[in-house]
Amino acid sequence: MHKNLVTSVLYTVVTALLLGIAYPVFMAALAHMLFPYKADGQLLTKNGEVIGSRIIGQSFTGPGYFHSRPSAAGTGYDATSSGGSNYAATNAKYIARVEANVLNLQKNDPGIAVPVDLVTTSGSGLDPDITPAAAEFQVPRVAKECGLSIPVVEDMVRKHTESRQFGFLGEPRVNVLELNLALLAVCPQEADQSLP
């Protein structure tokens, strides 16, 4: 019995050291050597300061910015509290929130259909992308606020639209942070405001 106990404890310690420390450290070092940008969280900078991650959404509220989809993660886009609202599609609170979001987005353009991703949260609450339709819906507001023509802003959206991965996985998408960074270069009204 004593021999079995010692063997079990030694096996647990060796396994914990190998799989709990050595393997993760080795994999992290390998990832940093082979894919440093991805291993560090795909961070984006402006003027040498980190302003966000390409793979974690954030809230944009200024009228001259493209807005992300709503988030139910913590207080919104909280990477430590990833998750959706967990409301069913028939839940009264969910329906009321979606209807309020639609009315809010239609106040300047009544009757225009609002893309679903601008009024519903993603499953993780951290989605950094919106559909091209959601970006195009926001073009008139952004163009007006920035003093740009609609075709110029539409061209920016087209340039920042990523196609399906490998041509067949997922859907076309627009990374909101990258689009807003490009917008800052040509939008003097928003350039003075810091990104969230």
Protein backbone atom coordinates (compact mmCIF):
# COMPACT_ATOMS: atom_id res chain seq x y z
CA MET A 1 0.00 0.00 0.00
CA HIS A 2 2.80 2.42 0.93
CA LYS A 3 4.54 1.73 -2.41
CA ASN A 4 1.31 2.42 -4.36
CA LEU A 5 0.77 5.69 -2.49
CA VAL A 6 4.32 6.89 -3.21
CA THR A 7 3.98 5.91 -6.88
CA SER A 8 0.65 7.78 -7.15
CA VAL A 9 2.03 10.95 -5.55
CA LEU A 10 5.18 10.90 -7.72
CA TYR A 11 3.10 10.29 -10.85
CA THR A 12 0.83 13.23 -9.94
CA VAL A 13 3.78 15.57 -9.29
CA VAL A 14 5.62 14.58 -12.50
CA THR A 15 2.44 14.85 -14.58
CA ALA A 16 1.59 18.24 -13.07
CA LEU A 17 5.10 19.55 -13.79
CA LEU A 18 5.16 18.20 -17.35
CA LEU A 19 1.60 19.00 -18.42
CA GLY A 20 0.86 21.94 -16.13
CA ILE A 21 4.12 23.88 -16.48
CA ALA A 22 6.62 22.53 -19.00
CA TYR A 23 4.20 21.88 -21.87
CA PRO A 24 2.31 25.24 -21.62
CA VAL A 25 5.60 27.19 -21.33
CA PHE A 26 7.05 25.33 -24.34
CA MET A 27 3.89 25.92 -26.43
CA ALA A 28 3.76 29.62 -25.48
CA ALA A 29 7.42 30.07 -26.42
CA LEU A 30 6.91 28.22 -29.70
CA ALA A 31 3.83 30.34 -30.51
CA HIS A 32 5.76 33.54 -29.79
CA MET A 33 8.58 32.42 -32.08
CA LEU A 34 6.35 31.29 -34.97
CA PHE A 35 3.32 33.61 -34.67
CA PRO A 36 4.25 36.58 -32.42
CA TYR A 37 1.38 38.83 -33.57
CA LYS A 38 -1.25 36.16 -32.92
CA ALA A 39 0.35 34.88 -29.71
CA ASP A 40 0.23 38.37 -28.22
CA GLY A 41 -3.50 38.73 -28.87
CA GLN A 42 -3.41 40.56 -32.23
CA LEU A 43 -3.11 43.93 -30.50
CA LEU A 44 -3.63 47.10 -32.53
CA THR A 45 -1.82 50.34 -31.73
CA LYS A 46 -2.26 54.02 -32.49
CA ASN A 47 0.62 56.43 -31.91
CA GLY A 48 2.52 53.65 -30.13
CA GLU A 49 -0.30 53.00 -27.64
CA VAL A 50 -2.31 49.76 -27.56
CA ILE A 51 -5.95 50.63 -28.24
CA GLY A 52 -7.50 47.21 -28.62
CA SER A 53 -7.33 43.73 -29.99
CA ARG A 54 -8.32 42.66 -33.48
CA ILE A 55 -10.10 39.62 -32.03
CA ILE A 56 -12.01 41.19 -29.11
CA GLY A 57 -14.80 43.66 -29.82
CA GLN A 58 -15.26 46.96 -28.07
CA SER A 59 -17.96 49.57 -27.82
CA PHE A 60 -17.98 52.62 -30.07
CA THR A 61 -20.56 55.27 -29.25
CA GLY A 62 -19.44 58.40 -31.12
CA PRO A 63 -21.66 59.28 -34.09
CA GLY A 64 -18.62 59.46 -36.38
CA TYR A 65 -17.59 55.88 -35.60
CA PHE A 66 -18.91 52.61 -36.94
CA HIS A 67 -20.64 50.87 -34.05
CA SER A 68 -20.13 47.26 -33.01
CA ARG A 69 -22.92 44.84 -32.31
CA PRO A 70 -24.33 44.94 -28.75
CA SER A 71 -22.56 42.90 -26.08
CA ALA A 72 -23.91 41.01 -23.07
CA ALA A 73 -20.44 40.15 -21.71
CA GLY A 74 -20.24 41.69 -18.26
CA THR A 75 -20.77 45.42 -18.67
CA GLY A 76 -20.10 45.02 -22.39
CA TYR A 77 -17.11 43.51 -24.18
CA ASP A 78 -15.65 42.31 -20.87
CA ALA A 79 -13.18 39.59 -21.86
CA THR A 80 -13.27 38.18 -18.32
CA SER A 81 -17.04 37.66 -18.54
CA SER A 82 -17.53 36.29 -22.03
CA GLY A 83 -21.06 35.15 -22.68
CA GLY A 84 -24.42 35.96 -24.18
CA SER A 85 -27.61 37.10 -22.50
CA ASN A 86 -28.95 33.53 -22.43
CA TYR A 87 -32.42 34.87 -23.19
CA ALA A 88 -34.57 32.69 -25.43
CA ALA A 89 -35.83 34.27 -28.64
CA THR A 90 -39.33 34.32 -27.08
CA ASN A 91 -38.23 35.97 -23.81
CA ALA A 92 -40.12 39.24 -23.20
CA LYS A 93 -36.99 41.08 -22.00
CA TYR A 94 -35.07 39.96 -25.07
CA ILE A 95 -37.85 41.04 -27.44
CA ALA A 96 -38.17 44.42 -25.69
CA ARG A 97 -34.40 45.02 -25.88
CA VAL A 98 -34.23 44.12 -29.58
CA GLU A 99 -37.25 46.31 -30.37
CA ALA A 100 -35.68 49.22 -28.45
CA ASN A 101 -32.43 48.75 -30.38
CA VAL A 102 -34.31 48.76 -33.69
CA LEU A 103 -36.24 51.93 -32.79
CA ASN A 104 -33.04 53.64 -31.67
CA LEU A 105 -31.28 52.82 -34.94
CA GLN A 106 -34.30 53.80 -37.04
CA LYS A 107 -34.85 57.19 -35.42
CA ASN A 108 -32.88 58.91 -38.18
CA ASP A 109 -34.00 56.52 -40.93
CA PRO A 110 -37.52 55.29 -40.11
CA GLY A 111 -38.69 52.25 -41.99
CA ILE A 112 -35.24 51.13 -43.14
CA ALA A 113 -34.53 47.51 -42.23
CA VAL A 114 -31.85 47.19 -39.55
CA PRO A 115 -29.33 44.34 -39.94
CA VAL A 116 -29.88 41.76 -37.22
CA ASP A 117 -26.30 41.90 -35.88
CA LEU A 118 -26.76 45.57 -34.89
CA VAL A 119 -29.63 44.73 -32.53
CA THR A 120 -28.66 41.30 -31.14
CA THR A 121 -25.68 40.18 -29.09
CA SER A 122 -23.23 37.49 -30.13
CA GLY A 123 -22.87 34.25 -28.19
CA SER A 124 -19.54 35.33 -26.70
CA GLY A 125 -20.34 39.02 -26.31
CA LEU A 126 -16.86 39.72 -27.70
CA ASP A 127 -17.48 39.56 -31.46
CA PRO A 128 -15.15 42.12 -33.13
CA ASP A 129 -16.85 41.92 -36.52
CA ILE A 130 -20.11 43.03 -38.09
CA THR A 131 -21.65 42.02 -41.40
CA PRO A 132 -21.04 44.17 -44.47
CA ALA A 133 -24.78 44.98 -44.37
CA ALA A 134 -24.40 46.33 -40.81
CA ALA A 135 -21.47 48.50 -41.88
CA GLU A 136 -23.33 49.76 -44.96
CA PHE A 137 -26.35 50.64 -42.79
CA GLN A 138 -24.10 53.00 -40.80
CA VAL A 139 -22.42 54.65 -43.82
CA PRO A 140 -24.79 57.66 -44.13
CA ARG A 141 -24.41 58.59 -40.43
CA VAL A 142 -20.62 58.20 -40.46
CA ALA A 143 -20.25 60.07 -43.76
CA LYS A 144 -22.38 62.97 -42.47
CA GLU A 145 -20.49 63.21 -39.15
CA CYS A 146 -17.09 63.07 -40.82
CA GLY A 147 -17.95 65.40 -43.67
CA LEU A 148 -17.14 62.73 -46.23
CA SER A 149 -19.10 61.63 -49.26
CA ILE A 150 -21.07 58.41 -49.04
CA PRO A 151 -19.07 56.77 -51.89
CA VAL A 152 -15.79 57.44 -50.01
CA VAL A 153 -17.08 55.78 -46.84
CA GLU A 154 -18.63 52.91 -48.82
CA ASP A 155 -15.23 52.34 -50.44
CA MET A 156 -13.63 52.17 -46.98
CA VAL A 157 -16.17 49.53 -45.96
CA ARG A 158 -15.45 47.50 -49.13
CA LYS A 159 -11.69 47.68 -48.50
CA HIS A 160 -12.15 46.42 -44.93
CA THR A 161 -14.57 43.62 -45.80
CA GLU A 162 -12.95 40.22 -45.34
CA SER A 163 -14.27 37.36 -47.45
CA ARG A 164 -15.03 33.86 -46.26
CA GLN A 165 -12.07 31.97 -44.88
CA PHE A 166 -10.67 29.66 -47.58
CA GLY A 167 -13.55 30.85 -49.77
CA PHE A 168 -16.24 28.76 -48.05
CA LEU A 169 -16.00 29.00 -44.24
CA GLY A 170 -18.04 31.60 -42.37
CA GLU A 171 -19.50 34.75 -43.85
CA PRO A 172 -18.02 38.02 -45.13
CA ARG A 173 -17.26 40.36 -42.21
CA VAL A 174 -15.92 43.78 -41.29
CA ASN A 175 -13.62 44.29 -38.31
CA VAL A 176 -15.03 47.38 -36.57
CA LEU A 177 -11.83 48.48 -34.82
CA GLU A 178 -9.74 48.28 -37.99
CA LEU A 179 -12.39 50.16 -39.97
CA ASN A 180 -12.58 52.89 -37.32
CA LEU A 181 -8.78 53.21 -37.28
CA ALA A 182 -8.82 53.75 -41.05
CA LEU A 183 -11.64 56.25 -40.61
CA LEU A 184 -9.62 58.27 -38.09
CA ALA A 185 -7.02 58.94 -40.77
CA VAL A 186 -9.57 60.85 -42.88
CA CYS A 187 -12.14 62.06 -40.34
CA PRO A 188 -10.95 65.22 -38.59
CA GLN A 189 -14.00 65.43 -36.31
CA GLU A 190 -13.29 62.03 -34.75
CA ALA A 191 -9.49 62.28 -34.75
CA ASP A 192 -9.55 64.40 -31.57
CA GLN A 193 -11.58 61.81 -29.70
CA SER A 194 -9.79 58.84 -28.23
CA LEU A 195 -10.86 55.37 -29.20
CA PRO A 196 -12.57 53.49 -26.37
